[in-house]
């Protein structure tokens, strides 16, 4: 397992197509923003484990109503900023 340290609004890029950004740090909780192609499934492990043993519950997997975080990715910002 690769372990990385990141600060708020810092990101990591996986395979040039998945961007994981630390959106917020509050106490012992970290909110992550994940940008990935639609064909890549993203699931929280604890929900995946529960879904294997229980029938699905409507709306269970969406903390934010299934809406994307209204922010542009750091990768997109870097690509669109003028070169210095």
PDB file of N, CA and C in Angstrom:
ATOM      1  N   UNK A   1       0.845  -1.173   0.000  1.00  0.00           N
ATOM      2  CA  UNK A   1       0.000   0.000   0.000  1.00  0.00           C
ATOM      3  C   UNK A   1       0.891   1.238   0.000  1.00  0.00           C
ATOM      4  N   UNK A   2       0.622   2.148  -0.891  1.00  0.00           N
ATOM      5  CA  UNK A   2       1.304   3.431  -0.933  1.00  0.00           C
ATOM      6  C   UNK A   2       0.581   4.379   0.006  1.00  0.00           C
ATOM      7  N   UNK A   3       1.310   5.042   0.901  1.00  0.00           N
ATOM      8  CA  UNK A   3       0.719   5.989   1.840  1.00  0.00           C
ATOM      9  C   UNK A   3       1.283   7.367   1.532  1.00  0.00           C
ATOM     10  N   UNK A   4       0.390   8.337   1.289  1.00  0.00           N
ATOM     11  CA  UNK A   4       0.786   9.699   0.950  1.00  0.00           C
ATOM     12  C   UNK A   4       0.203  10.679   1.953  1.00  0.00           C
ATOM     13  N   UNK A   5       0.901  11.772   2.178  1.00  0.00           N
ATOM     14  CA  UNK A   5       0.373  12.864   2.995  1.00  0.00           C
ATOM     15  C   UNK A   5      -0.070  13.978   2.065  1.00  0.00           C
ATOM     16  N   UNK A   6      -1.240  14.535   2.309  1.00  0.00           N
ATOM     17  CA  UNK A   6      -1.774  15.625   1.503  1.00  0.00           C
ATOM     18  C   UNK A   6      -2.399  16.643   2.438  1.00  0.00           C
ATOM     19  N   UNK A   7      -2.357  17.904   2.045  1.00  0.00           N
ATOM     20  CA  UNK A   7      -3.024  18.979   2.772  1.00  0.00           C
ATOM     21  C   UNK A   7      -4.317  19.325   2.056  1.00  0.00           C
ATOM     22  N   UNK A   8      -5.116  20.169   2.688  1.00  0.00           N
ATOM     23  CA  UNK A   8      -6.377  20.596   2.093  1.00  0.00           C
ATOM     24  C   UNK A   8      -6.122  21.178   0.704  1.00  0.00           C
ATOM     25  N   UNK A   9      -6.947  20.772  -0.239  1.00  0.00           N
ATOM     26  CA  UNK A   9      -6.924  21.173  -1.648  1.00  0.00           C
ATOM     27  C   UNK A   9      -5.745  20.608  -2.434  1.00  0.00           C
ATOM     28  N   UNK A  10      -4.961  19.721  -1.836  1.00  0.00           N
ATOM     29  CA  UNK A  10      -3.923  19.026  -2.585  1.00  0.00           C
ATOM     30  C   UNK A  10      -4.512  17.744  -3.163  1.00  0.00           C
ATOM     31  N   UNK A  11      -3.927  17.284  -4.254  1.00  0.00           N
ATOM     32  CA  UNK A  11      -4.489  16.149  -4.986  1.00  0.00           C
ATOM     33  C   UNK A  11      -3.432  15.111  -5.310  1.00  0.00           C
ATOM     34  N   UNK A  12      -3.936  13.949  -5.702  1.00  0.00           N
ATOM     35  CA  UNK A  12      -3.095  12.929  -6.316  1.00  0.00           C
ATOM     36  C   UNK A  12      -3.783  12.511  -7.610  1.00  0.00           C
ATOM     37  N   UNK A  13      -2.992  12.090  -8.571  1.00  0.00           N
ATOM     38  CA  UNK A  13      -3.515  11.643  -9.861  1.00  0.00           C
ATOM     39  C   UNK A  13      -3.141  10.176 -10.028  1.00  0.00           C
ATOM     40  N   UNK A  14      -4.120   9.378 -10.419  1.00  0.00           N
ATOM     41  CA  UNK A  14      -3.906   7.950 -10.638  1.00  0.00           C
ATOM     42  C   UNK A  14      -4.144   7.648 -12.111  1.00  0.00           C
ATOM     43  N   UNK A  15      -3.141   7.103 -12.749  1.00  0.00           N
ATOM     44  CA  UNK A  15      -3.242   6.671 -14.143  1.00  0.00           C
ATOM     45  C   UNK A  15      -3.700   7.793 -15.079  1.00  0.00           C
ATOM     46  N   UNK A  16      -3.360   9.017 -14.768  1.00  0.00           N
ATOM     47  CA  UNK A  16      -3.667  10.201 -15.580  1.00  0.00           C
ATOM     48  C   UNK A  16      -5.149  10.409 -15.858  1.00  0.00           C
ATOM     49  N   UNK A  17      -6.031   9.690 -15.153  1.00  0.00           N
ATOM     50  CA  UNK A  17      -7.457   9.871 -15.405  1.00  0.00           C
ATOM     51  C   UNK A  17      -8.304   9.930 -14.138  1.00  0.00           C
ATOM     52  N   UNK A  18      -7.730   9.614 -12.991  1.00  0.00           N
ATOM     53  CA  UNK A  18      -8.451   9.685 -11.722  1.00  0.00           C
ATOM     54  C   UNK A  18      -7.746  10.708 -10.840  1.00  0.00           C
ATOM     55  N   UNK A  19      -8.496  11.691 -10.347  1.00  0.00           N
ATOM     56  CA  UNK A  19      -7.940  12.728  -9.485  1.00  0.00           C
ATOM     57  C   UNK A  19      -8.651  12.655  -8.139  1.00  0.00           C
ATOM     58  N   UNK A  20      -7.873  12.528  -7.076  1.00  0.00           N
ATOM     59  CA  UNK A  20      -8.416  12.514  -5.725  1.00  0.00           C
ATOM     60  C   UNK A  20      -7.896  13.757  -5.017  1.00  0.00           C
ATOM     61  N   UNK A  21      -8.830  14.607  -4.541  1.00  0.00           N
ATOM     62  CA  UNK A  21      -8.487  15.873  -3.912  1.00  0.00           C
ATOM     63  C   UNK A  21      -8.994  15.892  -2.478  1.00  0.00           C
ATOM     64  N   UNK A  22      -8.159  16.369  -1.552  1.00  0.00           N
ATOM     65  CA  UNK A  22      -8.599  16.577  -0.175  1.00  0.00           C
ATOM     66  C   UNK A  22      -9.416  17.864  -0.175  1.00  0.00           C
ATOM     67  N   UNK A  23     -10.721  17.745   0.003  1.00  0.00           N
ATOM     68  CA  UNK A  23     -11.630  18.889  -0.064  1.00  0.00           C
ATOM     69  C   UNK A  23     -11.724  19.588   1.284  1.00  0.00           C
ATOM     70  N   UNK A  24     -11.768  18.802   2.361  1.00  0.00           N
ATOM     71  CA  UNK A  24     -11.944  19.385   3.694  1.00  0.00           C
ATOM     72  C   UNK A  24     -11.352  18.451   4.736  1.00  0.00           C
ATOM     73  N   UNK A  25     -10.776  19.047   5.783  1.00  0.00           N
ATOM     74  CA  UNK A  25     -10.285  18.287   6.927  1.00  0.00           C
ATOM     75  C   UNK A  25     -10.937  18.895   8.155  1.00  0.00           C
ATOM     76  N   UNK A  26     -11.696  18.081   8.882  1.00  0.00           N
ATOM     77  CA  UNK A  26     -12.384  18.570  10.074  1.00  0.00           C
ATOM     78  C   UNK A  26     -12.267  17.509  11.161  1.00  0.00           C
ATOM     79  N   UNK A  27     -11.461  17.809  12.179  1.00  0.00           N
ATOM     80  CA  UNK A  27     -11.259  16.838  13.255  1.00  0.00           C
ATOM     81  C   UNK A  27     -10.619  15.575  12.726  1.00  0.00           C
ATOM     82  N   UNK A  28     -11.276  14.444  12.967  1.00  0.00           N
ATOM     83  CA  UNK A  28     -10.726  13.168  12.511  1.00  0.00           C
ATOM     84  C   UNK A  28     -11.335  12.705  11.195  1.00  0.00           C
ATOM     85  N   UNK A  29     -12.011  13.618  10.484  1.00  0.00           N
ATOM     86  CA  UNK A  29     -12.633  13.262   9.201  1.00  0.00           C
ATOM     87  C   UNK A  29     -12.013  14.058   8.062  1.00  0.00           C
ATOM     88  N   UNK A  30     -11.871  13.383   6.939  1.00  0.00           N
ATOM     89  CA  UNK A  30     -11.336  13.998   5.728  1.00  0.00           C
ATOM     90  C   UNK A  30     -12.366  13.806   4.625  1.00  0.00           C
ATOM     91  N   UNK A  31     -12.729  14.895   3.932  1.00  0.00           N
ATOM     92  CA  UNK A  31     -13.634  14.784   2.779  1.00  0.00           C
ATOM     93  C   UNK A  31     -12.781  14.767   1.524  1.00  0.00           C
ATOM     94  N   UNK A  32     -13.028  13.789   0.683  1.00  0.00           N
ATOM     95  CA  UNK A  32     -12.285  13.634  -0.560  1.00  0.00           C
ATOM     96  C   UNK A  32     -13.195  13.895  -1.742  1.00  0.00           C
ATOM     97  N   UNK A  33     -12.672  14.562  -2.745  1.00  0.00           N
ATOM     98  CA  UNK A  33     -13.354  14.704  -4.022  1.00  0.00           C
ATOM     99  C   UNK A  33     -12.669  13.774  -5.009  1.00  0.00           C
ATOM    100  N   UNK A  34     -13.464  13.015  -5.744  1.00  0.00           N
ATOM    101  CA  UNK A  34     -12.903  12.049  -6.687  1.00  0.00           C
ATOM    102  C   UNK A  34     -13.451  12.337  -8.070  1.00  0.00           C
ATOM    103  N   UNK A  35     -12.554  12.567  -9.014  1.00  0.00           N
ATOM    104  CA  UNK A  35     -12.934  12.761 -10.411  1.00  0.00           C
ATOM    105  C   UNK A  35     -12.407  11.574 -11.196  1.00  0.00           C
ATOM    106  N   UNK A  36     -13.318  10.924 -11.917  1.00  0.00           N
ATOM    107  CA  UNK A  36     -12.936   9.743 -12.689  1.00  0.00           C
ATOM    108  C   UNK A  36     -13.893   9.595 -13.861  1.00  0.00           C
ATOM    109  N   UNK A  37     -13.469   8.895 -14.895  1.00  0.00           N
ATOM    110  CA  UNK A  37     -14.385   8.621 -16.007  1.00  0.00           C
ATOM    111  C   UNK A  37     -15.621   7.882 -15.510  1.00  0.00           C
ATOM    112  N   UNK A  38     -16.739   8.095 -16.183  1.00  0.00           N
ATOM    113  CA  UNK A  38     -18.008   7.494 -15.757  1.00  0.00           C
ATOM    114  C   UNK A  38     -17.974   5.967 -15.741  1.00  0.00           C
ATOM    115  N   UNK A  39     -17.109   5.369 -16.540  1.00  0.00           N
ATOM    116  CA  UNK A  39     -17.082   3.907 -16.591  1.00  0.00           C
ATOM    117  C   UNK A  39     -16.307   3.276 -15.432  1.00  0.00           C
ATOM    118  N   UNK A  40     -15.738   4.089 -14.555  1.00  0.00           N
ATOM    119  CA  UNK A  40     -15.023   3.575 -13.388  1.00  0.00           C
ATOM    120  C   UNK A  40     -15.945   3.649 -12.178  1.00  0.00           C
ATOM    121  N   UNK A  41     -16.177   2.515 -11.552  1.00  0.00           N
ATOM    122  CA  UNK A  41     -17.039   2.436 -10.376  1.00  0.00           C
ATOM    123  C   UNK A  41     -16.258   2.867  -9.137  1.00  0.00           C
ATOM    124  N   UNK A  42     -16.854   3.760  -8.324  1.00  0.00           N
ATOM    125  CA  UNK A  42     -16.230   4.227  -7.090  1.00  0.00           C
ATOM    126  C   UNK A  42     -17.183   3.905  -5.947  1.00  0.00           C
ATOM    127  N   UNK A  43     -16.720   3.106  -4.999  1.00  0.00           N
ATOM    128  CA  UNK A  43     -17.562   2.690  -3.875  1.00  0.00           C
ATOM    129  C   UNK A  43     -16.786   2.809  -2.574  1.00  0.00           C
ATOM    130  N   UNK A  44     -17.491   3.131  -1.503  1.00  0.00           N
ATOM    131  CA  UNK A  44     -16.882   3.120  -0.174  1.00  0.00           C
ATOM    132  C   UNK A  44     -16.860   1.678   0.317  1.00  0.00           C
ATOM    133  N   UNK A  45     -15.738   1.242   0.863  1.00  0.00           N
ATOM    134  CA  UNK A  45     -15.578  -0.159   1.281  1.00  0.00           C
ATOM    135  C   UNK A  45     -16.644  -0.595   2.269  1.00  0.00           C
ATOM    136  N   UNK A  46     -16.961   0.241   3.269  1.00  0.00           N
ATOM    137  CA  UNK A  46     -17.931  -0.187   4.279  1.00  0.00           C
ATOM    138  C   UNK A  46     -19.314  -0.385   3.676  1.00  0.00           C
ATOM    139  N   UNK A  47     -19.668   0.391   2.665  1.00  0.00           N
ATOM    140  CA  UNK A  47     -20.956   0.204   2.005  1.00  0.00           C
ATOM    141  C   UNK A  47     -20.936  -1.017   1.102  1.00  0.00           C
ATOM    142  N   UNK A  48     -19.831  -1.251   0.440  1.00  0.00           N
ATOM    143  CA  UNK A  48     -19.704  -2.430  -0.421  1.00  0.00           C
ATOM    144  C   UNK A  48     -19.828  -3.704   0.411  1.00  0.00           C
ATOM    145  N   UNK A  49     -19.178  -3.739   1.577  1.00  0.00           N
ATOM    146  CA  UNK A  49     -19.276  -4.901   2.460  1.00  0.00           C
ATOM    147  C   UNK A  49     -20.710  -5.098   2.936  1.00  0.00           C
ATOM    148  N   UNK A  50     -21.388  -4.008   3.294  1.00  0.00           N
ATOM    149  CA  UNK A  50     -22.761  -4.087   3.785  1.00  0.00           C
ATOM    150  C   UNK A  50     -23.705  -4.529   2.673  1.00  0.00           C
ATOM    151  N   UNK A  51     -23.485  -4.028   1.448  1.00  0.00           N
ATOM    152  CA  UNK A  51     -24.360  -4.380   0.327  1.00  0.00           C
ATOM    153  C   UNK A  51     -24.261  -5.862  -0.028  1.00  0.00           C
ATOM    154  N   UNK A  52     -23.147  -6.460   0.263  1.00  0.00           N
ATOM    155  CA  UNK A  52     -23.012  -7.881  -0.020  1.00  0.00           C
ATOM    156  C   UNK A  52     -23.833  -8.729   0.946  1.00  0.00           C
ATOM    157  N   UNK A  53     -24.166  -8.165   2.130  1.00  0.00           N
ATOM    158  CA  UNK A  53     -24.903  -8.945   3.119  1.00  0.00           C
ATOM    159  C   UNK A  53     -26.333  -8.463   3.347  1.00  0.00           C
ATOM    160  N   UNK A  54     -26.704  -7.276   2.810  1.00  0.00           N
ATOM    161  CA  UNK A  54     -28.043  -6.725   3.011  1.00  0.00           C
ATOM    162  C   UNK A  54     -28.628  -6.258   1.689  1.00  0.00           C
ATOM    163  N   UNK A  55     -29.953  -6.183   1.596  1.00  0.00           N
ATOM    164  CA  UNK A  55     -30.561  -5.589   0.408  1.00  0.00           C
ATOM    165  C   UNK A  55     -30.283  -4.086   0.373  1.00  0.00           C
ATOM    166  N   UNK A  56     -30.211  -3.465  -0.813  1.00  0.00           N
ATOM    167  CA  UNK A  56     -29.897  -2.037  -0.915  1.00  0.00           C
ATOM    168  C   UNK A  56     -30.991  -1.162  -0.308  1.00  0.00           C
ATOM    169  N   UNK A  57     -30.558  -0.010   0.220  1.00  0.00           N
ATOM    170  CA  UNK A  57     -31.471   0.986   0.775  1.00  0.00           C
ATOM    171  C   UNK A  57     -31.361   2.231  -0.088  1.00  0.00           C
ATOM    172  N   UNK A  58     -32.480   2.778  -0.531  1.00  0.00           N
ATOM    173  CA  UNK A  58     -32.483   3.942  -1.425  1.00  0.00           C
ATOM    174  C   UNK A  58     -31.751   5.115  -0.793  1.00  0.00           C
ATOM    175  N   UNK A  59     -30.851   5.733  -1.564  1.00  0.00           N
ATOM    176  CA  UNK A  59     -30.143   6.933  -1.136  1.00  0.00           C
ATOM    177  C   UNK A  59     -29.025   6.696  -0.142  1.00  0.00           C
ATOM    178  N   UNK A  60     -28.719   5.466   0.173  1.00  0.00           N
ATOM    179  CA  UNK A  60     -27.753   5.157   1.216  1.00  0.00           C
ATOM    180  C   UNK A  60     -26.332   5.603   0.877  1.00  0.00           C
ATOM    181  N   UNK A  61     -25.933   5.499  -0.376  1.00  0.00           N
ATOM    182  CA  UNK A  61     -24.544   5.751  -0.731  1.00  0.00           C
ATOM    183  C   UNK A  61     -24.236   7.208  -1.021  1.00  0.00           C
ATOM    184  N   UNK A  62     -25.205   8.101  -0.970  1.00  0.00           N
ATOM    185  CA  UNK A  62     -24.968   9.491  -1.351  1.00  0.00           C
ATOM    186  C   UNK A  62     -24.958  10.403  -0.137  1.00  0.00           C
ATOM    187  N   UNK A  63     -23.777  10.899   0.231  1.00  0.00           N
ATOM    188  CA  UNK A  63     -23.674  11.865   1.324  1.00  0.00           C
ATOM    189  C   UNK A  63     -24.118  13.246   0.886  1.00  0.00           C
ATOM    190  N   UNK A  64     -23.942  13.557  -0.384  1.00  0.00           N
ATOM    191  CA  UNK A  64     -24.249  14.891  -0.888  1.00  0.00           C
ATOM    192  C   UNK A  64     -25.353  14.842  -1.932  1.00  0.00           C
ATOM    193  N   UNK A  65     -26.249  13.911  -1.819  1.00  0.00           N
ATOM    194  CA  UNK A  65     -27.348  13.806  -2.766  1.00  0.00           C
ATOM    195  C   UNK A  65     -26.900  13.375  -4.145  1.00  0.00           C
ATOM    196  N   UNK A  66     -25.705  12.822  -4.255  1.00  0.00           N
ATOM    197  CA  UNK A  66     -25.209  12.372  -5.542  1.00  0.00           C
ATOM    198  C   UNK A  66     -24.722  13.489  -6.443  1.00  0.00           C
ATOM    199  N   UNK A  67     -24.643  14.707  -5.907  1.00  0.00           N
ATOM    200  CA  UNK A  67     -24.210  15.847  -6.706  1.00  0.00           C
ATOM    201  C   UNK A  67     -22.693  15.964  -6.668  1.00  0.00           C
ATOM    202  N   UNK A  68     -22.067  16.321  -7.794  1.00  0.00           N
ATOM    203  CA  UNK A  68     -20.618  16.510  -7.790  1.00  0.00           C
ATOM    204  C   UNK A  68     -20.240  17.758  -7.005  1.00  0.00           C
ATOM    205  N   UNK A  69     -19.034  17.775  -6.480  1.00  0.00           N
ATOM    206  CA  UNK A  69     -18.535  18.958  -5.779  1.00  0.00           C
ATOM    207  C   UNK A  69     -18.328  20.054  -6.812  1.00  0.00           C
ATOM    208  N   UNK A  70     -18.938  21.242  -6.628  1.00  0.00           N
ATOM    209  CA  UNK A  70     -18.854  22.302  -7.635  1.00  0.00           C
ATOM    210  C   UNK A  70     -17.516  23.023  -7.597  1.00  0.00           C
ATOM    211  N   UNK A  71     -16.460  22.341  -7.988  1.00  0.00           N
ATOM    212  CA  UNK A  71     -15.130  22.922  -7.989  1.00  0.00           C
ATOM    213  C   UNK A  71     -14.358  22.304  -9.136  1.00  0.00           C
ATOM    214  N   UNK A  72     -13.458  23.054  -9.708  1.00  0.00           N
ATOM    215  CA  UNK A  72     -12.641  22.516 -10.792  1.00  0.00           C
ATOM    216  C   UNK A  72     -11.444  21.811 -10.199  1.00  0.00           C
ATOM    217  N   UNK A  73     -11.025  20.770 -10.844  1.00  0.00           N
ATOM    218  CA  UNK A  73      -9.915  19.983 -10.334  1.00  0.00           C
ATOM    219  C   UNK A  73      -8.613  20.762 -10.418  1.00  0.00           C
ATOM    220  N   UNK A  74      -7.667  20.474  -9.514  1.00  0.00           N
ATOM    221  CA  UNK A  74      -6.354  21.108  -9.591  1.00  0.00           C
ATOM    222  C   UNK A  74      -5.662  20.815 -10.915  1.00  0.00           C
ATOM    223  N   UNK A  75      -5.860  19.618 -11.476  1.00  0.00           N
ATOM    224  CA  UNK A  75      -5.257  19.277 -12.760  1.00  0.00           C
ATOM    225  C   UNK A  75      -5.821  20.162 -13.855  1.00  0.00           C
ATOM    226  N   UNK A  76      -7.142  20.354 -13.857  1.00  0.00           N
ATOM    227  CA  UNK A  76      -7.786  21.208 -14.853  1.00  0.00           C
ATOM    228  C   UNK A  76      -7.322  22.654 -14.703  1.00  0.00           C
ATOM    229  N   UNK A  77      -7.208  23.135 -13.458  1.00  0.00           N
ATOM    230  CA  UNK A  77      -6.743  24.502 -13.220  1.00  0.00           C
ATOM    231  C   UNK A  77      -5.324  24.682 -13.750  1.00  0.00           C
ATOM    232  N   UNK A  78      -4.467  23.695 -13.502  1.00  0.00           N
ATOM    233  CA  UNK A  78      -3.083  23.785 -13.959  1.00  0.00           C
ATOM    234  C   UNK A  78      -3.007  23.782 -15.478  1.00  0.00           C
ATOM    235  N   UNK A  79      -3.869  23.003 -16.131  1.00  0.00           N
ATOM    236  CA  UNK A  79      -3.858  22.930 -17.585  1.00  0.00           C
ATOM    237  C   UNK A  79      -4.380  24.216 -18.214  1.00  0.00           C
ATOM    238  N   UNK A  80      -5.293  24.911 -17.535  1.00  0.00           N
ATOM    239  CA  UNK A  80      -5.908  26.112 -18.085  1.00  0.00           C
ATOM    240  C   UNK A  80      -5.206  27.396 -17.685  1.00  0.00           C
ATOM    241  N   UNK A  81      -4.243  27.337 -16.769  1.00  0.00           N
ATOM    242  CA  UNK A  81      -3.572  28.563 -16.344  1.00  0.00           C
ATOM    243  C   UNK A  81      -2.469  28.912 -17.333  1.00  0.00           C
ATOM    244  N   UNK A  82      -2.242  30.235 -17.540  1.00  0.00           N
ATOM    245  CA  UNK A  82      -1.189  30.650 -18.480  1.00  0.00           C
ATOM    246  C   UNK A  82       0.188  30.266 -17.955  1.00  0.00           C
ATOM    247  N   UNK A  83       1.059  29.899 -18.860  1.00  0.00           N
ATOM    248  CA  UNK A  83       2.419  29.520 -18.479  1.00  0.00           C
ATOM    249  C   UNK A  83       3.178  30.746 -18.017  1.00  0.00           C
ATOM    250  N   UNK A  84       3.977  30.588 -16.963  1.00  0.00           N
ATOM    251  CA  UNK A  84       4.732  31.721 -16.409  1.00  0.00           C
ATOM    252  C   UNK A  84       6.068  31.852 -17.079  1.00  0.00           C
TER     253      UNK A  84
END
